[in-house]
Amino acid sequence: MKRILSFAAMLLICAAAALQAQTTDGINYYFWQGKLEGHQVKMSCAVSGDVLTGEMFETVDGEQRTYNVAGALIDGMFDIKVYAYVDDTEFGIEHIFFLRAKIQGGKLKGIVQTSGKKFTLKTFADPYALPLNREAGVYSSPYVEGKTFALHGWDGGGSYYYENARHVEGEMTLFFDPDRESFNLNIRRDAEARGAGSDALVSVGGIKPNQVGDFDAIIRSCGYSFTVSSHDHFIVIRTLAGKASQCFGGGSGIVGIYIQVPAKG
């Protein structure tokens, strides 16, 4: 009897481990559900190293709404933006949730930044999810057939939009200069508090990203350097060296997640 119980316990442990994350080609896939600000949601995500991407699903008045998820490990926690493209406009981006969270034992635990309320999304198994037949390095939607997000890669730059929980906004452009056969990077971002500090204004030319769109850059006038990593539908900027305040003034910076703006046409 002891052996039977022990075997049964092992099966339960294995089942629990399978629920925590499904790994394919070095990418961990998670299925979470729970409440955010009183809203019942489900989240399907893929995590590779310090990047998280996927979708969130919410049922409102009997209608399922699907949002995109972009996340990056910044200062020890995942900075996560849940957003949707606004209907009837090619440029509108609506942020639904701003989250700061950690993956603990398969659960996603953290706070909703706008309110500071804590949350825990727990793992679950969904019998209606599509089979895991994954392309290497790509998040594949378990519910929307053919919808994929590359964990690393880009489509040659473009325009990107920034917003955080304090409603500080900004924009970033990365466009090819055919004369120099390189890219020009421009960033404008508000100070952290309205009316305080100064805007972060960056203009760097002669950039040559690698094959997946990543590169490092430096603002030589103040010695501040940063790294840019490209992912399907968003870009992440992190500090390499120096202090942002020495470049942009107190309360302003350029670190964070920038959501890609769809091109016209």
Foldseek 3Di string as FASTA:
>chain_A
DVVVVVVVVVVVVVVLLCLLWDDDQQKTWFWWWDDDPNFTKIWIWIDHVFWIWGWMWGADPNDIDIWIKTWGQDPNWIFIWTWDADPPDLFRIGTDFTWTWDQDSSKTWGAGVLVRDIDIIHTDDDPQFADPPDDRQWDQGRHDHPDIKGRFADDAWAKWKDAHSVRWIKIKGWHADVVLRAIKIWIWTAFQDPPDFFIDTDIDDPHDAPGRRKDKDADVVQGWIWIWTDIGQKIFIDTDDDDQCSRGNPRYDDGDIIGHRDDDD
